C-alpha atoms as a PDB file:
ATOM      1  CA  MET A   1     118.003 122.615  79.472  1.00  0.00           C
ATOM      2  CA  TYR A   2     117.939 118.824  79.840  1.00  0.00           C
ATOM      3  CA  ILE A   3     120.955 118.935  82.119  1.00  0.00           C
ATOM      4  CA  PHE A   4     119.119 121.341  84.427  1.00  0.00           C
ATOM      5  CA  ALA A   5     116.051 119.054  84.491  1.00  0.00           C
ATOM      6  CA  ILE A   6     118.197 116.039  85.359  1.00  0.00           C
ATOM      7  CA  PHE A   7     119.963 118.042  88.049  1.00  0.00           C
ATOM      8  CA  MET A   8     116.642 119.097  89.592  1.00  0.00           C
ATOM      9  CA  CYS A   9     115.380 115.505  89.575  1.00  0.00           C
ATOM     10  CA  LEU A  10     118.463 114.462  91.500  1.00  0.00           C
ATOM     11  CA  VAL A  11     118.027 117.335  93.959  1.00  0.00           C
ATOM     12  CA  TRP A  12     114.398 116.371  94.643  1.00  0.00           C
ATOM     13  CA  GLY A  13     115.433 112.729  95.053  1.00  0.00           C
ATOM     14  CA  TYR A  14     118.138 113.695  97.527  1.00  0.00           C
ATOM     15  CA  CYS A  15     115.761 115.918  99.502  1.00  0.00           C
ATOM     16  CA  CYS A  16     113.204 113.122  99.694  1.00  0.00           C
ATOM     17  CA  SER A  17     115.827 110.634 100.861  1.00  0.00           C
ATOM     18  CA  LEU A  18     116.965 112.937 103.666  1.00  0.00           C
ATOM     19  CA  ILE A  19     113.419 113.521 104.870  1.00  0.00           C
ATOM     20  CA  ALA A  20     112.490 109.840 104.609  1.00  0.00           C
ATOM     21  CA  ASP A  21     115.604 108.756 106.497  1.00  0.00           C
ATOM     22  CA  SER A  22     114.873 111.176 109.333  1.00  0.00           C
ATOM     23  CA  LYS A  23     111.334 109.783 109.633  1.00  0.00           C
ATOM     24  CA  GLY A  24     112.305 106.122 109.378  1.00  0.00           C
ATOM     25  CA  TYR A  25     111.239 105.374 105.809  1.00  0.00           C
ATOM     26  CA  SER A  26     113.245 103.719 103.029  1.00  0.00           C
ATOM     27  CA  LYS A  27     115.792 106.023 101.427  1.00  0.00           C
ATOM     28  CA  ASN A  28     115.792 104.037  98.179  1.00  0.00           C
ATOM     29  CA  TRP A  29     112.062 104.452  97.613  1.00  0.00           C
ATOM     30  CA  ALA A  30     112.318 108.112  98.556  1.00  0.00           C
ATOM     31  CA  TRP A  31     114.984 108.620  95.865  1.00  0.00           C
ATOM     32  CA  PHE A  32     112.717 106.968  93.318  1.00  0.00           C
ATOM     33  CA  TRP A  33     109.606 108.986  94.229  1.00  0.00           C
ATOM     34  CA  GLY A  34     111.631 112.196  94.452  1.00  0.00           C
ATOM     35  CA  ILE A  35     113.091 111.741  90.983  1.00  0.00           C
ATOM     36  CA  ILE A  36     109.729 110.834  89.444  1.00  0.00           C
ATOM     37  CA  PHE A  37     107.419 113.324  91.205  1.00  0.00           C
ATOM     38  CA  GLY A  38     109.810 116.052  92.378  1.00  0.00           C
ATOM     39  CA  LEU A  39     108.334 118.716  94.634  1.00  0.00           C
ATOM     40  CA  LEU A  40     105.107 116.773  95.096  1.00  0.00           C
ATOM     41  CA  ALA A  41     107.062 113.863  96.594  1.00  0.00           C
ATOM     42  CA  VAL A  42     108.906 116.226  98.943  1.00  0.00           C
ATOM     43  CA  ILE A  43     105.584 117.633 100.171  1.00  0.00           C
ATOM     44  CA  VAL A  44     104.197 114.127 100.710  1.00  0.00           C
ATOM     45  CA  TYR A  45     107.260 113.035 102.692  1.00  0.00           C
ATOM     46  CA  LEU A  46     107.067 116.189 104.797  1.00  0.00           C
ATOM     47  CA  CYS A  47     103.435 115.388 105.636  1.00  0.00           C
ATOM     48  CA  LEU A  48     104.145 111.788 106.630  1.00  0.00           C
ATOM     49  CA  GLY A  49     104.592 110.999 110.292  1.00  0.00           C
ATOM     50  CA  THR A  50     107.450 109.019 111.733  1.00  0.00           C
ATOM     51  CA  THR A  51     107.317 105.245 111.666  1.00  0.00           C
ATOM     52  CA  GLU A  52     106.588 103.279 114.811  1.00  0.00           C
ATOM     53  CA  ASN A  53     110.096 101.805 114.849  1.00  0.00           C
ATOM     54  CA  LYS A  54     111.630 105.285 114.635  1.00  0.00           C
ATOM     55  CA  ARG A  55     109.478 106.478 117.559  1.00  0.00           C
ATOM     56  CA  LYS A  56     110.488 103.450 119.630  1.00  0.00           C
ATOM     57  CA  ASP A  57     114.157 104.147 118.930  1.00  0.00           C
ATOM     58  CA  GLU A  58     113.730 107.790 119.964  1.00  0.00           C
ATOM     59  CA  VAL A  59     112.023 106.751 123.225  1.00  0.00           C
ATOM     60  CA  LYS A  60     114.798 104.243 123.990  1.00  0.00           C
ATOM     61  CA  LYS A  61     117.394 106.939 123.326  1.00  0.00           C
ATOM     62  CA  MET A  62     115.645 109.389 125.673  1.00  0.00           C
ATOM     63  CA  ILE A  63     115.339 106.751 128.402  1.00  0.00           C
ATOM     64  CA  SER A  64     119.038 105.893 128.171  1.00  0.00           C
ATOM     65  CA  GLU A  65     119.958 109.606 128.350  1.00  0.00           C
ATOM     66  CA  ILE A  66     117.795 110.035 131.446  1.00  0.00           C
ATOM     67  CA  GLN A  67     119.389 106.990 133.071  1.00  0.00           C
ATOM     68  CA  GLN A  68     122.875 108.327 132.330  1.00  0.00           C
ATOM     69  CA  ASN A  69     121.966 111.701 133.812  1.00  0.00           C
ATOM     70  CA  GLU A  70     120.630 110.001 136.966  1.00  0.00           C
ATOM     71  CA  LYS A  71     123.873 108.033 137.338  1.00  0.00           C
ATOM     72  CA  ILE A  72     125.901 111.250 137.093  1.00  0.00           C
ATOM     73  CA  ASN A  73     123.831 112.997 139.780  1.00  0.00           C
END
């Protein structure tokens, strides 16, 4: 039973780290919160918005794609 509980803690930590990374937050802290709080931490990370730096990177990426498409045409 303890092995299953440890396994689930690691799964929640991994899920939190994936979500946090995609939104621009620290993966290390997400692992920690996911292991400690489990499903609650996953819900919190799903509700968080993206960071300003992540949004800026996405805008830069879109602008560069548009510029490349204009060069091709």
